[in-house]
Amino acid sequence: MIRALMEGLIREAGGMEAAAALISAALGREVGKGTISRRQSGQLEWPLIEILALERAIGSQSVRRWLAQTLPEATSVDLLAEVAVSSREHGEAMSAVLDYATGRGDRSRARKEITESLEVMRRMSARLEGEE
């Protein structure tokens, strides 16, 4: 899969010679067209530092995205972000309801904050359903 993704990056770079030049410039050491060719044929493995250098040079993160999809933590990070947003929205909703209940706030703000809190919970629920 890495070779297939690298083939696309090499094409985007303008070919093997251009890819070799971009990687060389990024790393400050010579990487030849022949080395790129041997990596693409499977005779040599792609070092991560060269993959990252080419991705940065052409502004694409296709290999990194593919690698990230294989990590279960990627989903966990998304869920943790949703929990953080939910916690904030829940706090805002409870504060708005308390303000309304004690006469310091208004009903429309309390309803708005509750609606926002519920929306975050719905998103989390939908994300969890999609993982099953």
N, C-alpha and C. Protein backbone atom coordinates (compact mmCIF):
# COMPACT_ATOMS: atom_id res chain seq x y z
N MET A 1 0.81 -1.19 0.00
CA MET A 1 0.00 0.00 0.00
C MET A 1 0.86 1.26 0.00
N ILE A 2 1.96 1.22 0.75
CA ILE A 2 2.85 2.38 0.82
C ILE A 2 3.41 2.68 -0.57
N ARG A 3 3.81 1.63 -1.30
CA ARG A 3 4.33 1.87 -2.65
C ARG A 3 3.28 2.50 -3.55
N ALA A 4 2.04 2.06 -3.42
CA ALA A 4 0.97 2.64 -4.24
C ALA A 4 0.75 4.11 -3.89
N LEU A 5 0.75 4.43 -2.62
CA LEU A 5 0.58 5.82 -2.20
C LEU A 5 1.78 6.66 -2.62
N MET A 6 2.97 6.08 -2.52
CA MET A 6 4.17 6.81 -2.92
C MET A 6 4.18 7.04 -4.43
N GLU A 7 3.65 6.11 -5.18
CA GLU A 7 3.55 6.29 -6.63
C GLU A 7 2.74 7.55 -6.95
N GLY A 8 1.65 7.73 -6.22
CA GLY A 8 0.85 8.93 -6.40
C GLY A 8 1.60 10.19 -6.02
N LEU A 9 2.36 10.12 -4.92
CA LEU A 9 3.15 11.29 -4.50
C LEU A 9 4.23 11.62 -5.53
N ILE A 10 4.87 10.59 -6.05
CA ILE A 10 5.91 10.79 -7.06
C ILE A 10 5.31 11.43 -8.31
N ARG A 11 4.15 10.96 -8.70
CA ARG A 11 3.46 11.53 -9.86
C ARG A 11 3.14 13.01 -9.60
N GLU A 12 2.63 13.30 -8.40
CA GLU A 12 2.31 14.69 -8.05
C GLU A 12 3.56 15.57 -8.04
N ALA A 13 4.69 14.98 -7.65
CA ALA A 13 5.95 15.73 -7.61
C ALA A 13 6.47 16.04 -9.01
N GLY A 14 6.03 15.27 -10.01
CA GLY A 14 6.49 15.49 -11.37
C GLY A 14 7.42 14.41 -11.87
N GLY A 15 7.43 13.27 -11.20
CA GLY A 15 8.26 12.15 -11.63
C GLY A 15 9.34 11.82 -10.61
N MET A 16 10.07 10.74 -10.91
CA MET A 16 11.08 10.25 -9.96
C MET A 16 12.22 11.24 -9.75
N GLU A 17 12.66 11.87 -10.81
CA GLU A 17 13.75 12.82 -10.69
C GLU A 17 13.34 14.02 -9.82
N ALA A 18 12.15 14.52 -10.06
CA ALA A 18 11.66 15.65 -9.26
C ALA A 18 11.45 15.23 -7.80
N ALA A 19 10.92 14.03 -7.59
CA ALA A 19 10.72 13.54 -6.22
C ALA A 19 12.06 13.41 -5.50
N ALA A 20 13.06 12.87 -6.21
CA ALA A 20 14.39 12.73 -5.62
C ALA A 20 14.96 14.10 -5.24
N ALA A 21 14.77 15.09 -6.11
CA ALA A 21 15.27 16.44 -5.83
C ALA A 21 14.56 17.05 -4.63
N LEU A 22 13.24 16.87 -4.54
CA LEU A 22 12.49 17.42 -3.41
C LEU A 22 12.92 16.78 -2.09
N ILE A 23 13.06 15.46 -2.10
CA ILE A 23 13.48 14.75 -0.88
C ILE A 23 14.89 15.20 -0.50
N SER A 24 15.80 15.27 -1.48
CA SER A 24 17.18 15.70 -1.22
C SER A 24 17.22 17.08 -0.60
N ALA A 25 16.46 17.99 -1.17
CA ALA A 25 16.43 19.36 -0.65
C ALA A 25 15.89 19.41 0.77
N ALA A 26 14.86 18.63 1.02
CA ALA A 26 14.25 18.63 2.36
C ALA A 26 15.18 18.04 3.41
N LEU A 27 15.92 17.01 3.03
CA LEU A 27 16.76 16.32 4.01
C LEU A 27 18.19 16.85 4.06
N GLY A 28 18.59 17.61 3.03
CA GLY A 28 19.96 18.13 3.00
C GLY A 28 20.99 17.07 2.68
N ARG A 29 20.58 16.00 2.03
CA ARG A 29 21.50 14.95 1.56
C ARG A 29 20.97 14.40 0.25
N GLU A 30 21.86 13.87 -0.53
CA GLU A 30 21.51 13.41 -1.87
C GLU A 30 20.71 12.10 -1.84
N VAL A 31 19.57 12.11 -2.49
CA VAL A 31 18.77 10.92 -2.74
C VAL A 31 18.58 10.87 -4.25
N GLY A 32 19.10 9.82 -4.88
CA GLY A 32 19.09 9.75 -6.33
C GLY A 32 17.82 9.17 -6.92
N LYS A 33 17.64 9.44 -8.20
CA LYS A 33 16.51 8.90 -8.95
C LYS A 33 16.52 7.37 -8.92
N GLY A 34 17.71 6.77 -8.98
CA GLY A 34 17.83 5.31 -8.93
C GLY A 34 17.35 4.73 -7.61
N THR A 35 17.61 5.46 -6.54
CA THR A 35 17.14 5.01 -5.21
C THR A 35 15.62 5.03 -5.17
N ILE A 36 15.04 6.10 -5.69
CA ILE A 36 13.58 6.20 -5.73
C ILE A 36 13.02 5.05 -6.57
N SER A 37 13.64 4.77 -7.69
CA SER A 37 13.19 3.69 -8.56
C SER A 37 13.26 2.34 -7.85
N ARG A 38 14.36 2.08 -7.13
CA ARG A 38 14.48 0.81 -6.40
C ARG A 38 13.46 0.71 -5.27
N ARG A 39 13.15 1.83 -4.64
CA ARG A 39 12.12 1.81 -3.59
C ARG A 39 10.76 1.48 -4.21
N GLN A 40 10.47 2.07 -5.34
CA GLN A 40 9.19 1.83 -5.99
C GLN A 40 9.07 0.41 -6.52
N SER A 41 10.17 -0.20 -6.89
CA SER A 41 10.12 -1.58 -7.40
C SER A 41 10.07 -2.60 -6.27
N GLY A 42 10.32 -2.17 -5.05
CA GLY A 42 10.29 -3.08 -3.91
C GLY A 42 11.66 -3.62 -3.53
N GLN A 43 12.71 -3.21 -4.25
CA GLN A 43 14.07 -3.66 -3.93
C GLN A 43 14.58 -3.02 -2.64
N LEU A 44 14.10 -1.82 -2.35
CA LEU A 44 14.44 -1.11 -1.11
C LEU A 44 13.15 -0.68 -0.43
N GLU A 45 13.20 -0.55 0.88
CA GLU A 45 12.05 -0.05 1.64
C GLU A 45 12.09 1.47 1.68
N TRP A 46 10.92 2.07 1.83
CA TRP A 46 10.82 3.52 1.97
C TRP A 46 11.09 3.91 3.42
N PRO A 47 12.12 4.72 3.69
CA PRO A 47 12.31 5.20 5.06
C PRO A 47 11.25 6.28 5.37
N LEU A 48 10.77 6.25 6.57
CA LEU A 48 9.73 7.19 6.99
C LEU A 48 10.15 8.64 6.78
N ILE A 49 11.39 8.94 7.05
CA ILE A 49 11.86 10.33 6.91
C ILE A 49 11.73 10.82 5.48
N GLU A 50 11.93 9.94 4.51
CA GLU A 50 11.79 10.35 3.11
C GLU A 50 10.32 10.45 2.70
N ILE A 51 9.50 9.58 3.23
CA ILE A 51 8.06 9.68 2.96
C ILE A 51 7.53 11.02 3.47
N LEU A 52 7.89 11.35 4.71
CA LEU A 52 7.43 12.60 5.30
C LEU A 52 7.98 13.81 4.56
N ALA A 53 9.24 13.72 4.13
CA ALA A 53 9.84 14.83 3.39
C ALA A 53 9.10 15.08 2.08
N LEU A 54 8.77 14.02 1.35
CA LEU A 54 8.06 14.20 0.08
C LEU A 54 6.63 14.70 0.32
N GLU A 55 5.97 14.15 1.34
CA GLU A 55 4.62 14.63 1.66
C GLU A 55 4.63 16.13 1.95
N ARG A 56 5.57 16.56 2.78
CA ARG A 56 5.66 17.99 3.13
C ARG A 56 5.97 18.84 1.90
N ALA A 57 6.87 18.35 1.07
CA ALA A 57 7.29 19.13 -0.10
C ALA A 57 6.14 19.37 -1.08
N ILE A 58 5.25 18.39 -1.22
CA ILE A 58 4.16 18.60 -2.19
C ILE A 58 2.83 18.94 -1.52
N GLY A 59 2.83 18.97 -0.19
CA GLY A 59 1.62 19.38 0.53
C GLY A 59 0.54 18.33 0.56
N SER A 60 0.93 17.09 0.63
CA SER A 60 -0.04 15.99 0.69
C SER A 60 0.34 15.09 1.86
N GLN A 61 -0.66 14.53 2.51
CA GLN A 61 -0.39 13.64 3.64
C GLN A 61 -1.06 12.28 3.44
N SER A 62 -1.02 11.77 2.24
CA SER A 62 -1.75 10.54 1.93
C SER A 62 -1.23 9.34 2.70
N VAL A 63 0.08 9.21 2.84
CA VAL A 63 0.63 8.06 3.58
C VAL A 63 0.30 8.19 5.06
N ARG A 64 0.48 9.39 5.60
CA ARG A 64 0.15 9.59 7.02
C ARG A 64 -1.31 9.32 7.32
N ARG A 65 -2.19 9.77 6.42
CA ARG A 65 -3.62 9.52 6.64
C ARG A 65 -3.92 8.03 6.63
N TRP A 66 -3.32 7.32 5.68
CA TRP A 66 -3.55 5.88 5.60
C TRP A 66 -3.04 5.19 6.87
N LEU A 67 -1.86 5.58 7.33
CA LEU A 67 -1.31 4.99 8.55
C LEU A 67 -2.18 5.31 9.76
N ALA A 68 -2.69 6.54 9.83
CA ALA A 68 -3.52 6.95 10.97
C ALA A 68 -4.81 6.16 11.04
N GLN A 69 -5.34 5.76 9.90
CA GLN A 69 -6.59 4.99 9.88
C GLN A 69 -6.44 3.63 10.53
N THR A 70 -5.22 3.14 10.60
CA THR A 70 -5.01 1.82 11.19
C THR A 70 -4.90 1.87 12.71
N LEU A 71 -4.87 3.06 13.27
CA LEU A 71 -4.73 3.21 14.72
C LEU A 71 -6.08 3.32 15.40
N PRO A 72 -6.34 2.47 16.37
CA PRO A 72 -7.61 2.60 17.10
C PRO A 72 -7.65 3.91 17.88
N GLU A 73 -6.49 4.47 18.21
CA GLU A 73 -6.46 5.71 18.98
C GLU A 73 -7.06 6.87 18.21
N ALA A 74 -7.04 6.81 16.87
CA ALA A 74 -7.58 7.92 16.08
C ALA A 74 -9.04 8.15 16.42
N THR A 75 -9.80 7.07 16.55
CA THR A 75 -11.20 7.19 16.93
C THR A 75 -11.30 7.69 18.36
N SER A 76 -10.43 7.22 19.22
CA SER A 76 -10.45 7.65 20.62
C SER A 76 -10.21 9.14 20.74
N VAL A 77 -9.28 9.67 19.93
CA VAL A 77 -8.99 11.09 19.97
C VAL A 77 -10.22 11.89 19.56
N ASP A 78 -10.92 11.44 18.51
CA ASP A 78 -12.14 12.11 18.08
C ASP A 78 -13.18 12.10 19.19
N LEU A 79 -13.34 10.96 19.83
CA LEU A 79 -14.32 10.86 20.91
C LEU A 79 -13.94 11.73 22.10
N LEU A 80 -12.67 11.78 22.42
CA LEU A 80 -12.23 12.62 23.53
C LEU A 80 -12.50 14.10 23.22
N ALA A 81 -12.31 14.50 21.99
CA ALA A 81 -12.61 15.87 21.60
C ALA A 81 -14.09 16.15 21.76
N GLU A 82 -14.93 15.19 21.36
CA GLU A 82 -16.38 15.36 21.51
C GLU A 82 -16.77 15.45 22.99
N VAL A 83 -16.11 14.65 23.83
CA VAL A 83 -16.40 14.70 25.27
C VAL A 83 -16.04 16.07 25.82
N ALA A 84 -14.92 16.63 25.38
CA ALA A 84 -14.53 17.95 25.86
C ALA A 84 -15.56 19.01 25.46
N VAL A 85 -16.01 18.95 24.21
CA VAL A 85 -17.03 19.90 23.74
C VAL A 85 -18.32 19.69 24.51
N SER A 86 -18.69 18.43 24.70
CA SER A 86 -19.92 18.11 25.42
C SER A 86 -19.88 18.64 26.85
N SER A 87 -18.75 18.47 27.48
CA SER A 87 -18.60 18.94 28.86
C SER A 87 -18.79 20.45 28.94
N ARG A 88 -18.18 21.16 28.00
CA ARG A 88 -18.32 22.62 27.98
C ARG A 88 -19.78 23.01 27.72
N GLU A 89 -20.40 22.39 26.71
CA GLU A 89 -21.79 22.73 26.36
C GLU A 89 -22.73 22.39 27.51
N HIS A 90 -22.48 21.25 28.18
CA HIS A 90 -23.32 20.85 29.31
C HIS A 90 -23.22 21.90 30.43
N GLY A 91 -21.99 22.32 30.69
CA GLY A 91 -21.80 23.34 31.73
C GLY A 91 -22.51 24.64 31.41
N GLU A 92 -22.41 25.05 30.14
CA GLU A 92 -23.09 26.27 29.71
C GLU A 92 -24.61 26.13 29.84
N ALA A 93 -25.12 24.95 29.49
CA ALA A 93 -26.57 24.72 29.59
C ALA A 93 -27.02 24.77 31.06
N MET A 94 -26.28 24.10 31.93
CA MET A 94 -26.66 24.09 33.34
C MET A 94 -26.58 25.49 33.94
N SER A 95 -25.57 26.24 33.55
CA SER A 95 -25.43 27.61 34.04
C SER A 95 -26.61 28.46 33.58
N ALA A 96 -26.99 28.32 32.32
CA ALA A 96 -28.11 29.11 31.78
C ALA A 96 -29.42 28.74 32.47
N VAL A 97 -29.64 27.45 32.75
CA VAL A 97 -30.86 27.02 33.44
C VAL A 97 -30.87 27.54 34.88
N LEU A 98 -29.72 27.47 35.56
CA LEU A 98 -29.64 28.01 36.92
C LEU A 98 -29.90 29.52 36.93
N ASP A 99 -29.34 30.23 35.95
CA ASP A 99 -29.59 31.67 35.88
C ASP A 99 -31.08 31.93 35.70
N TYR A 100 -31.72 31.17 34.84
CA TYR A 100 -33.16 31.36 34.60
C TYR A 100 -33.96 31.04 35.87
N ALA A 101 -33.59 29.92 36.51
CA ALA A 101 -34.32 29.49 37.70
C ALA A 101 -34.19 30.49 38.84
N THR A 102 -33.08 31.22 38.90
CA THR A 102 -32.89 32.18 39.99
C THR A 102 -33.25 33.61 39.58
N GLY A 103 -33.81 33.76 38.39
CA GLY A 103 -34.27 35.07 37.94
C GLY A 103 -33.19 35.95 37.35
N ARG A 104 -31.99 35.43 37.15
CA ARG A 104 -30.90 36.24 36.58
C ARG A 104 -30.72 36.02 35.09
N GLY A 105 -31.44 35.07 34.52
CA GLY A 105 -31.28 34.77 33.11
C GLY A 105 -32.61 34.71 32.41
N ASP A 106 -32.57 34.42 31.12
CA ASP A 106 -33.83 34.33 30.39
C ASP A 106 -34.01 32.93 29.80
N ARG A 107 -35.27 32.63 29.58
CA ARG A 107 -35.67 31.31 29.13
C ARG A 107 -35.08 30.96 27.75
N SER A 108 -35.05 31.90 26.82
CA SER A 108 -34.58 31.61 25.47
C SER A 108 -33.10 31.21 25.47
N ARG A 109 -32.30 31.86 26.30
CA ARG A 109 -30.88 31.47 26.38
C ARG A 109 -30.74 30.07 26.97
N ALA A 110 -31.52 29.76 27.99
CA ALA A 110 -31.46 28.43 28.61
C ALA A 110 -31.82 27.36 27.58
N ARG A 111 -32.87 27.59 26.82
CA ARG A 111 -33.30 26.62 25.79
C ARG A 111 -32.22 26.47 24.71
N LYS A 112 -31.63 27.58 24.30
CA LYS A 112 -30.58 27.56 23.28
C LYS A 112 -29.40 26.72 23.75
N GLU A 113 -28.97 26.94 24.99
CA GLU A 113 -27.82 26.19 25.53
C GLU A 113 -28.13 24.71 25.68
N ILE A 114 -29.33 24.37 26.09
CA ILE A 114 -29.73 22.96 26.19
C ILE A 114 -29.73 22.31 24.81
N THR A 115 -30.25 23.01 23.82
CA THR A 115 -30.28 22.49 22.45
C THR A 115 -28.87 22.21 21.95
N GLU A 116 -27.94 23.13 22.21
CA GLU A 116 -26.56 22.93 21.78
C GLU A 116 -25.93 21.73 22.49
N SER A 117 -26.22 21.58 23.77
CA SER A 117 -25.70 20.45 24.53
C SER A 117 -26.23 19.12 23.99
N LEU A 118 -27.52 19.10 23.68
CA LEU A 118 -28.13 17.88 23.13
C LEU A 118 -27.55 17.53 21.76
N GLU A 119 -27.25 18.53 20.95
CA GLU A 119 -26.68 18.29 19.62
C GLU A 119 -25.31 17.60 19.72
N VAL A 120 -24.51 18.04 20.66
CA VAL A 120 -23.21 17.40 20.86
C VAL A 120 -23.40 15.95 21.27
N MET A 121 -24.33 15.69 22.15
CA MET A 121 -24.60 14.31 22.58
C MET A 121 -25.09 13.46 21.41
N ARG A 122 -25.92 14.04 20.55
CA ARG A 122 -26.39 13.31 19.36
C ARG A 122 -25.22 12.95 18.45
N ARG A 123 -24.28 13.90 18.26
CA ARG A 123 -23.11 13.62 17.42
C ARG A 123 -22.28 12.48 18.00
N MET A 124 -22.08 12.49 19.31
CA MET A 124 -21.32 11.41 19.95
C MET A 124 -22.03 10.08 19.77
N SER A 125 -23.33 10.09 19.96
CA SER A 125 -24.11 8.87 19.80
C SER A 125 -24.01 8.33 18.37
N ALA A 126 -24.11 9.23 17.40
CA ALA A 126 -24.03 8.81 15.99
C ALA A 126 -22.64 8.26 15.68
N ARG A 127 -21.61 8.87 16.23
CA ARG A 127 -20.24 8.39 16.00
C ARG A 127 -20.09 6.97 16.58
N LEU A 128 -20.63 6.76 17.77
CA LEU A 128 -20.53 5.44 18.39
C LEU A 128 -21.33 4.40 17.61
N GLU A 129 -22.49 4.78 17.10
CA GLU A 129 -23.29 3.87 16.28
C GLU A 129 -22.55 3.49 15.01
N GLY A 130 -21.82 4.44 14.42
CA GLY A 130 -21.08 4.18 13.20
C GLY A 130 -19.91 3.23 13.40
N GLU A 131 -19.47 3.05 14.62
CA GLU A 131 -18.34 2.15 14.90
C GLU A 131 -18.77 0.70 15.07
N GLU A 132 -20.05 0.48 15.19
CA GLU A 132 -20.52 -0.90 15.43
C GLU A 132 -20.53 -1.69 14.15
